[in-house]
């Protein structure tokens, strides 16, 4: 590896999924404004809206969207304007 091109500030960081409160501890250089204490150790905290533990692709749980109802609602409002 080339010297001097990689960051020196790798440290353990907690990533928290806000939708299901699951946490991941990994090494990162990301800047964090908040901290969290886990097992007596204080870590920088990064809050995420969605991760692999809550994303529908990875969990297999899909939310069904009522597209037919939306289309019917649109047509009733803006349907055929030529009349």
PDB file of N, CA and C in Angstrom:
ATOM      1  N   UNK A   1       0.832  -1.183   0.000  1.00  0.00           N
ATOM      2  CA  UNK A   1       0.000   0.000   0.000  1.00  0.00           C
ATOM      3  C   UNK A   1       0.876   1.244   0.000  1.00  0.00           C
ATOM      4  N   UNK A   2       0.355   2.283  -0.604  1.00  0.00           N
ATOM      5  CA  UNK A   2       1.078   3.550  -0.600  1.00  0.00           C
ATOM      6  C   UNK A   2       1.012   4.174   0.786  1.00  0.00           C
ATOM      7  N   UNK A   3       2.062   4.800   1.186  1.00  0.00           N
ATOM      8  CA  UNK A   3       2.124   5.449   2.486  1.00  0.00           C
ATOM      9  C   UNK A   3       1.553   6.861   2.387  1.00  0.00           C
ATOM     10  N   UNK A   4       0.854   7.286   3.450  1.00  0.00           N
ATOM     11  CA  UNK A   4       0.359   8.648   3.538  1.00  0.00           C
ATOM     12  C   UNK A   4      -0.952   8.933   2.833  1.00  0.00           C
ATOM     13  N   UNK A   5      -1.616   7.934   2.255  1.00  0.00           N
ATOM     14  CA  UNK A   5      -2.883   8.200   1.568  1.00  0.00           C
ATOM     15  C   UNK A   5      -4.090   7.681   2.349  1.00  0.00           C
ATOM     16  N   UNK A   6      -3.851   6.885   3.376  1.00  0.00           N
ATOM     17  CA  UNK A   6      -4.951   6.307   4.147  1.00  0.00           C
ATOM     18  C   UNK A   6      -5.119   7.060   5.468  1.00  0.00           C
ATOM     19  N   UNK A   7      -6.355   7.260   5.923  1.00  0.00           N
ATOM     20  CA  UNK A   7      -6.583   7.990   7.173  1.00  0.00           C
ATOM     21  C   UNK A   7      -6.023   7.225   8.369  1.00  0.00           C
ATOM     22  N   UNK A   8      -5.597   7.984   9.368  1.00  0.00           N
ATOM     23  CA  UNK A   8      -5.018   7.382  10.570  1.00  0.00           C
ATOM     24  C   UNK A   8      -6.022   7.259  11.709  1.00  0.00           C
ATOM     25  N   UNK A   9      -7.185   7.852  11.576  1.00  0.00           N
ATOM     26  CA  UNK A   9      -8.118   7.924  12.697  1.00  0.00           C
ATOM     27  C   UNK A   9      -9.199   6.842  12.683  1.00  0.00           C
ATOM     28  N   UNK A  10      -8.862   5.611  12.308  1.00  0.00           N
ATOM     29  CA  UNK A  10      -9.823   4.516  12.419  1.00  0.00           C
ATOM     30  C   UNK A  10     -10.042   4.230  13.890  1.00  0.00           C
ATOM     31  N   UNK A  11     -11.307   4.098  14.276  1.00  0.00           N
ATOM     32  CA  UNK A  11     -11.654   3.821  15.660  1.00  0.00           C
ATOM     33  C   UNK A  11     -12.984   3.087  15.684  1.00  0.00           C
ATOM     34  N   UNK A  12     -13.319   2.410  16.784  1.00  0.00           N
ATOM     35  CA  UNK A  12     -14.646   1.783  16.879  1.00  0.00           C
ATOM     36  C   UNK A  12     -15.741   2.841  16.931  1.00  0.00           C
ATOM     37  N   UNK A  13     -16.786   2.626  16.146  1.00  0.00           N
ATOM     38  CA  UNK A  13     -17.931   3.535  16.064  1.00  0.00           C
ATOM     39  C   UNK A  13     -19.199   2.702  16.118  1.00  0.00           C
ATOM     40  N   UNK A  14     -20.231   3.231  16.780  1.00  0.00           N
ATOM     41  CA  UNK A  14     -21.534   2.556  16.851  1.00  0.00           C
ATOM     42  C   UNK A  14     -22.448   3.163  15.802  1.00  0.00           C
ATOM     43  N   UNK A  15     -23.037   2.310  14.969  1.00  0.00           N
ATOM     44  CA  UNK A  15     -24.060   2.709  14.011  1.00  0.00           C
ATOM     45  C   UNK A  15     -25.384   2.164  14.535  1.00  0.00           C
ATOM     46  N   UNK A  16     -26.385   3.048  14.678  1.00  0.00           N
ATOM     47  CA  UNK A  16     -27.676   2.653  15.241  1.00  0.00           C
ATOM     48  C   UNK A  16     -28.774   2.835  14.210  1.00  0.00           C
ATOM     49  N   UNK A  17     -29.510   1.761  13.963  1.00  0.00           N
ATOM     50  CA  UNK A  17     -30.664   1.795  13.069  1.00  0.00           C
ATOM     51  C   UNK A  17     -31.844   2.352  13.858  1.00  0.00           C
ATOM     52  N   UNK A  18     -32.362   3.512  13.464  1.00  0.00           N
ATOM     53  CA  UNK A  18     -33.409   4.181  14.221  1.00  0.00           C
ATOM     54  C   UNK A  18     -34.779   3.526  14.046  1.00  0.00           C
ATOM     55  N   UNK A  19     -34.965   2.706  13.010  1.00  0.00           N
ATOM     56  CA  UNK A  19     -36.271   2.093  12.803  1.00  0.00           C
ATOM     57  C   UNK A  19     -36.488   0.867  13.680  1.00  0.00           C
ATOM     58  N   UNK A  20     -35.414   0.169  14.067  1.00  0.00           N
ATOM     59  CA  UNK A  20     -35.581  -1.002  14.924  1.00  0.00           C
ATOM     60  C   UNK A  20     -34.610  -1.030  16.109  1.00  0.00           C
ATOM     61  N   UNK A  21     -33.863   0.053  16.331  1.00  0.00           N
ATOM     62  CA  UNK A  21     -32.946   0.222  17.469  1.00  0.00           C
ATOM     63  C   UNK A  21     -31.837  -0.825  17.534  1.00  0.00           C
ATOM     64  N   UNK A  22     -31.485  -1.425  16.418  1.00  0.00           N
ATOM     65  CA  UNK A  22     -30.359  -2.359  16.393  1.00  0.00           C
ATOM     66  C   UNK A  22     -29.069  -1.567  16.240  1.00  0.00           C
ATOM     67  N   UNK A  23     -28.011  -2.032  16.895  1.00  0.00           N
ATOM     68  CA  UNK A  23     -26.737  -1.333  16.835  1.00  0.00           C
ATOM     69  C   UNK A  23     -25.660  -2.226  16.234  1.00  0.00           C
ATOM     70  N   UNK A  24     -24.702  -1.585  15.564  1.00  0.00           N
ATOM     71  CA  UNK A  24     -23.552  -2.260  14.987  1.00  0.00           C
ATOM     72  C   UNK A  24     -22.311  -1.520  15.470  1.00  0.00           C
ATOM     73  N   UNK A  25     -21.321  -2.250  15.927  1.00  0.00           N
ATOM     74  CA  UNK A  25     -20.048  -1.638  16.303  1.00  0.00           C
ATOM     75  C   UNK A  25     -19.022  -2.069  15.268  1.00  0.00           C
ATOM     76  N   UNK A  26     -18.416  -1.092  14.617  1.00  0.00           N
ATOM     77  CA  UNK A  26     -17.412  -1.367  13.600  1.00  0.00           C
ATOM     78  C   UNK A  26     -16.381  -0.249  13.619  1.00  0.00           C
ATOM     79  N   UNK A  27     -15.320  -0.422  12.882  1.00  0.00           N
ATOM     80  CA  UNK A  27     -14.295   0.607  12.818  1.00  0.00           C
ATOM     81  C   UNK A  27     -14.584   1.538  11.647  1.00  0.00           C
ATOM     82  N   UNK A  28     -14.424   2.848  11.893  1.00  0.00           N
ATOM     83  CA  UNK A  28     -14.727   3.834  10.869  1.00  0.00           C
ATOM     84  C   UNK A  28     -13.975   5.123  11.160  1.00  0.00           C
ATOM     85  N   UNK A  29     -13.956   6.006  10.165  1.00  0.00           N
ATOM     86  CA  UNK A  29     -13.364   7.333  10.336  1.00  0.00           C
ATOM     87  C   UNK A  29     -14.442   8.415  10.329  1.00  0.00           C
ATOM     88  N   UNK A  30     -15.703   8.033  10.315  1.00  0.00           N
ATOM     89  CA  UNK A  30     -16.804   8.982  10.225  1.00  0.00           C
ATOM     90  C   UNK A  30     -16.821   9.907  11.453  1.00  0.00           C
ATOM     91  N   UNK A  31     -17.136  11.178  11.204  1.00  0.00           N
ATOM     92  CA  UNK A  31     -17.246  12.147  12.293  1.00  0.00           C
ATOM     93  C   UNK A  31     -18.627  12.022  12.925  1.00  0.00           C
ATOM     94  N   UNK A  32     -18.672  11.919  14.252  1.00  0.00           N
ATOM     95  CA  UNK A  32     -19.944  11.770  14.957  1.00  0.00           C
ATOM     96  C   UNK A  32     -20.056  12.842  16.028  1.00  0.00           C
ATOM     97  N   UNK A  33     -21.259  13.398  16.164  1.00  0.00           N
ATOM     98  CA  UNK A  33     -21.501  14.439  17.156  1.00  0.00           C
ATOM     99  C   UNK A  33     -21.969  13.872  18.492  1.00  0.00           C
ATOM    100  N   UNK A  34     -22.568  12.690  18.463  1.00  0.00           N
ATOM    101  CA  UNK A  34     -23.111  12.091  19.678  1.00  0.00           C
ATOM    102  C   UNK A  34     -22.261  10.908  20.108  1.00  0.00           C
ATOM    103  N   UNK A  35     -22.426  10.511  21.380  1.00  0.00           N
ATOM    104  CA  UNK A  35     -21.732   9.331  21.902  1.00  0.00           C
ATOM    105  C   UNK A  35     -22.740   8.432  22.592  1.00  0.00           C
ATOM    106  N   UNK A  36     -22.352   7.175  22.781  1.00  0.00           N
ATOM    107  CA  UNK A  36     -23.190   6.202  23.469  1.00  0.00           C
ATOM    108  C   UNK A  36     -22.263   5.318  24.296  1.00  0.00           C
ATOM    109  N   UNK A  37     -22.767   4.880  25.455  1.00  0.00           N
ATOM    110  CA  UNK A  37     -21.975   3.998  26.311  1.00  0.00           C
ATOM    111  C   UNK A  37     -22.540   2.590  26.231  1.00  0.00           C
ATOM    112  N   UNK A  38     -21.675   1.644  25.886  1.00  0.00           N
ATOM    113  CA  UNK A  38     -22.054   0.233  25.787  1.00  0.00           C
ATOM    114  C   UNK A  38     -21.032  -0.569  26.572  1.00  0.00           C
ATOM    115  N   UNK A  39     -21.504  -1.332  27.565  1.00  0.00           N
ATOM    116  CA  UNK A  39     -20.650  -2.157  28.417  1.00  0.00           C
ATOM    117  C   UNK A  39     -19.526  -1.346  29.056  1.00  0.00           C
ATOM    118  N   UNK A  40     -19.815  -0.121  29.454  1.00  0.00           N
ATOM    119  CA  UNK A  40     -18.837   0.706  30.134  1.00  0.00           C
ATOM    120  C   UNK A  40     -17.847   1.413  29.232  1.00  0.00           C
ATOM    121  N   UNK A  41     -17.982   1.263  27.920  1.00  0.00           N
ATOM    122  CA  UNK A  41     -17.092   1.913  26.960  1.00  0.00           C
ATOM    123  C   UNK A  41     -17.900   2.948  26.181  1.00  0.00           C
ATOM    124  N   UNK A  42     -17.348   4.148  26.028  1.00  0.00           N
ATOM    125  CA  UNK A  42     -18.021   5.213  25.291  1.00  0.00           C
ATOM    126  C   UNK A  42     -17.553   5.207  23.845  1.00  0.00           C
ATOM    127  N   UNK A  43     -18.527   5.166  22.915  1.00  0.00           N
ATOM    128  CA  UNK A  43     -18.248   5.135  21.485  1.00  0.00           C
ATOM    129  C   UNK A  43     -18.907   6.336  20.808  1.00  0.00           C
ATOM    130  N   UNK A  44     -18.362   6.814  19.690  1.00  0.00           N
ATOM    131  CA  UNK A  44     -19.092   7.783  18.865  1.00  0.00           C
ATOM    132  C   UNK A  44     -20.334   7.100  18.282  1.00  0.00           C
ATOM    133  N   UNK A  45     -21.443   7.849  18.155  1.00  0.00           N
ATOM    134  CA  UNK A  45     -22.706   7.286  17.684  1.00  0.00           C
ATOM    135  C   UNK A  45     -23.121   7.941  16.381  1.00  0.00           C
ATOM    136  N   UNK A  46     -23.445   7.094  15.375  1.00  0.00           N
ATOM    137  CA  UNK A  46     -23.970   7.559  14.100  1.00  0.00           C
ATOM    138  C   UNK A  46     -25.358   6.937  13.946  1.00  0.00           C
ATOM    139  N   UNK A  47     -26.379   7.793  13.784  1.00  0.00           N
ATOM    140  CA  UNK A  47     -27.755   7.315  13.639  1.00  0.00           C
ATOM    141  C   UNK A  47     -28.092   7.171  12.161  1.00  0.00           C
ATOM    142  N   UNK A  48     -28.678   6.016  11.810  1.00  0.00           N
ATOM    143  CA  UNK A  48     -29.066   5.732  10.433  1.00  0.00           C
ATOM    144  C   UNK A  48     -30.563   5.451  10.372  1.00  0.00           C
ATOM    145  N   UNK A  49     -31.193   5.858   9.273  1.00  0.00           N
ATOM    146  CA  UNK A  49     -32.623   5.614   9.103  1.00  0.00           C
ATOM    147  C   UNK A  49     -32.912   4.172   8.682  1.00  0.00           C
ATOM    148  N   UNK A  50     -32.029   3.605   7.881  1.00  0.00           N
ATOM    149  CA  UNK A  50     -32.261   2.250   7.377  1.00  0.00           C
ATOM    150  C   UNK A  50     -30.927   1.543   7.212  1.00  0.00           C
ATOM    151  N   UNK A  51     -30.889   0.271   7.602  1.00  0.00           N
ATOM    152  CA  UNK A  51     -29.690  -0.560   7.459  1.00  0.00           C
ATOM    153  C   UNK A  51     -30.111  -1.917   6.913  1.00  0.00           C
ATOM    154  N   UNK A  52     -29.173  -2.829   6.841  1.00  0.00           N
ATOM    155  CA  UNK A  52     -29.502  -4.161   6.336  1.00  0.00           C
ATOM    156  C   UNK A  52     -30.454  -4.903   7.273  1.00  0.00           C
ATOM    157  N   UNK A  53     -30.530  -4.503   8.543  1.00  0.00           N
ATOM    158  CA  UNK A  53     -31.445  -5.175   9.468  1.00  0.00           C
ATOM    159  C   UNK A  53     -32.881  -4.693   9.328  1.00  0.00           C
ATOM    160  N   UNK A  54     -33.100  -3.579   8.606  1.00  0.00           N
ATOM    161  CA  UNK A  54     -34.470  -3.091   8.444  1.00  0.00           C
ATOM    162  C   UNK A  54     -34.881  -2.881   6.992  1.00  0.00           C
ATOM    163  N   UNK A  55     -33.977  -3.019   6.050  1.00  0.00           N
ATOM    164  CA  UNK A  55     -34.298  -2.809   4.641  1.00  0.00           C
ATOM    165  C   UNK A  55     -35.114  -3.988   4.102  1.00  0.00           C
ATOM    166  N   UNK A  56     -36.192  -3.724   3.371  1.00  0.00           N
ATOM    167  CA  UNK A  56     -37.045  -4.812   2.868  1.00  0.00           C
ATOM    168  C   UNK A  56     -36.313  -5.823   1.991  1.00  0.00           C
ATOM    169  N   UNK A  57     -35.292  -5.409   1.272  1.00  0.00           N
ATOM    170  CA  UNK A  57     -34.560  -6.346   0.423  1.00  0.00           C
ATOM    171  C   UNK A  57     -33.884  -7.428   1.255  1.00  0.00           C
ATOM    172  N   UNK A  58     -33.330  -7.050   2.402  1.00  0.00           N
ATOM    173  CA  UNK A  58     -32.611  -7.998   3.240  1.00  0.00           C
ATOM    174  C   UNK A  58     -33.521  -8.741   4.205  1.00  0.00           C
ATOM    175  N   UNK A  59     -34.629  -8.127   4.617  1.00  0.00           N
ATOM    176  CA  UNK A  59     -35.521  -8.773   5.583  1.00  0.00           C
ATOM    177  C   UNK A  59     -36.565  -9.648   4.908  1.00  0.00           C
ATOM    178  N   UNK A  60     -36.864  -9.380   3.635  1.00  0.00           N
ATOM    179  CA  UNK A  60     -37.867 -10.155   2.923  1.00  0.00           C
ATOM    180  C   UNK A  60     -39.290  -9.694   3.206  1.00  0.00           C
ATOM    181  N   UNK A  61     -39.452  -8.633   3.971  1.00  0.00           N
ATOM    182  CA  UNK A  61     -40.785  -8.110   4.282  1.00  0.00           C
ATOM    183  C   UNK A  61     -41.033  -6.875   3.429  1.00  0.00           C
ATOM    184  N   UNK A  62     -41.972  -6.977   2.528  1.00  0.00           N
ATOM    185  CA  UNK A  62     -42.298  -5.878   1.635  1.00  0.00           C
ATOM    186  C   UNK A  62     -43.571  -5.193   2.106  1.00  0.00           C
ATOM    187  N   UNK A  63     -43.625  -3.886   1.948  1.00  0.00           N
ATOM    188  CA  UNK A  63     -44.845  -3.145   2.229  1.00  0.00           C
ATOM    189  C   UNK A  63     -45.635  -3.028   0.930  1.00  0.00           C
ATOM    190  N   UNK A  64     -46.886  -3.408   0.973  1.00  0.00           N
ATOM    191  CA  UNK A  64     -47.722  -3.316  -0.213  1.00  0.00           C
ATOM    192  C   UNK A  64     -48.305  -1.912  -0.310  1.00  0.00           C
ATOM    193  N   UNK A  65     -48.211  -1.334  -1.474  1.00  0.00           N
ATOM    194  CA  UNK A  65     -48.734   0.006  -1.707  1.00  0.00           C
ATOM    195  C   UNK A  65     -50.020  -0.129  -2.511  1.00  0.00           C
ATOM    196  N   UNK A  66     -51.032   0.571  -2.085  1.00  0.00           N
ATOM    197  CA  UNK A  66     -52.335   0.522  -2.745  1.00  0.00           C
ATOM    198  C   UNK A  66     -52.290   1.411  -3.987  1.00  0.00           C
ATOM    199  N   UNK A  67     -51.661   0.921  -5.056  1.00  0.00           N
ATOM    200  CA  UNK A  67     -51.539   1.733  -6.265  1.00  0.00           C
ATOM    201  C   UNK A  67     -52.872   1.878  -6.974  1.00  0.00           C
ATOM    202  N   UNK A  68     -53.709   0.850  -6.914  1.00  0.00           N
ATOM    203  CA  UNK A  68     -55.010   0.936  -7.582  1.00  0.00           C
ATOM    204  C   UNK A  68     -55.856   2.017  -6.925  1.00  0.00           C
ATOM    205  N   UNK A  69     -55.831   2.096  -5.612  1.00  0.00           N
ATOM    206  CA  UNK A  69     -56.578   3.134  -4.910  1.00  0.00           C
ATOM    207  C   UNK A  69     -56.077   4.517  -5.251  1.00  0.00           C
ATOM    208  N   UNK A  70     -54.768   4.652  -5.432  1.00  0.00           N
ATOM    209  CA  UNK A  70     -54.190   5.940  -5.796  1.00  0.00           C
ATOM    210  C   UNK A  70     -54.604   6.355  -7.206  1.00  0.00           C
ATOM    211  N   UNK A  71     -54.609   5.385  -8.109  1.00  0.00           N
ATOM    212  CA  UNK A  71     -55.009   5.682  -9.483  1.00  0.00           C
ATOM    213  C   UNK A  71     -56.478   6.079  -9.527  1.00  0.00           C
ATOM    214  N   UNK A  72     -57.314   5.357  -8.808  1.00  0.00           N
ATOM    215  CA  UNK A  72     -58.750   5.690  -8.766  1.00  0.00           C
ATOM    216  C   UNK A  72     -58.967   7.078  -8.180  1.00  0.00           C
ATOM    217  N   UNK A  73     -58.241   7.411  -7.140  1.00  0.00           N
ATOM    218  CA  UNK A  73     -58.367   8.728  -6.524  1.00  0.00           C
ATOM    219  C   UNK A  73     -57.936   9.817  -7.499  1.00  0.00           C
ATOM    220  N   UNK A  74     -56.836   9.571  -8.226  1.00  0.00           N
ATOM    221  CA  UNK A  74     -56.363  10.536  -9.213  1.00  0.00           C
ATOM    222  C   UNK A  74     -57.398  10.717 -10.320  1.00  0.00           C
ATOM    223  N   UNK A  75     -57.934   9.617 -10.828  1.00  0.00           N
ATOM    224  CA  UNK A  75     -58.905   9.687 -11.916  1.00  0.00           C
ATOM    225  C   UNK A  75     -60.190  10.386 -11.476  1.00  0.00           C
ATOM    226  N   UNK A  76     -60.605  10.176 -10.222  1.00  0.00           N
ATOM    227  CA  UNK A  76     -61.822  10.847  -9.766  1.00  0.00           C
ATOM    228  C   UNK A  76     -61.595  12.356  -9.630  1.00  0.00           C
ATOM    229  N   UNK A  77     -60.399  12.756  -9.289  1.00  0.00           N
ATOM    230  CA  UNK A  77     -60.104  14.187  -9.168  1.00  0.00           C
ATOM    231  C   UNK A  77     -59.841  14.844 -10.514  1.00  0.00           C
ATOM    232  N   UNK A  78     -58.945  14.229 -11.292  1.00  0.00           N
ATOM    233  CA  UNK A  78     -58.461  14.881 -12.518  1.00  0.00           C
ATOM    234  C   UNK A  78     -58.843  14.146 -13.779  1.00  0.00           C
ATOM    235  N   UNK A  79     -59.588  13.076 -13.669  1.00  0.00           N
ATOM    236  CA  UNK A  79     -59.983  12.194 -14.759  1.00  0.00           C
ATOM    237  C   UNK A  79     -59.998  12.808 -16.152  1.00  0.00           C
ATOM    238  N   UNK A  80     -61.100  12.760 -16.773  1.00  0.00           N
ATOM    239  CA  UNK A  80     -61.220  13.252 -18.130  1.00  0.00           C
ATOM    240  C   UNK A  80     -61.655  14.709 -18.072  1.00  0.00           C
ATOM    241  N   UNK A  81     -60.743  15.628 -18.286  1.00  0.00           N
ATOM    242  CA  UNK A  81     -61.013  17.065 -18.190  1.00  0.00           C
ATOM    243  C   UNK A  81     -61.687  17.624 -19.429  1.00  0.00           C
ATOM    244  N   UNK A  82     -61.809  16.836 -20.486  1.00  0.00           N
ATOM    245  CA  UNK A  82     -62.383  17.330 -21.745  1.00  0.00           C
ATOM    246  C   UNK A  82     -63.896  17.399 -21.699  1.00  0.00           C
ATOM    247  N   UNK A  83     -64.545  16.821 -20.707  1.00  0.00           N
ATOM    248  CA  UNK A  83     -66.011  16.822 -20.649  1.00  0.00           C
ATOM    249  C   UNK A  83     -66.574  18.176 -20.392  1.00  0.00           C
TER     250      UNK A  83
END
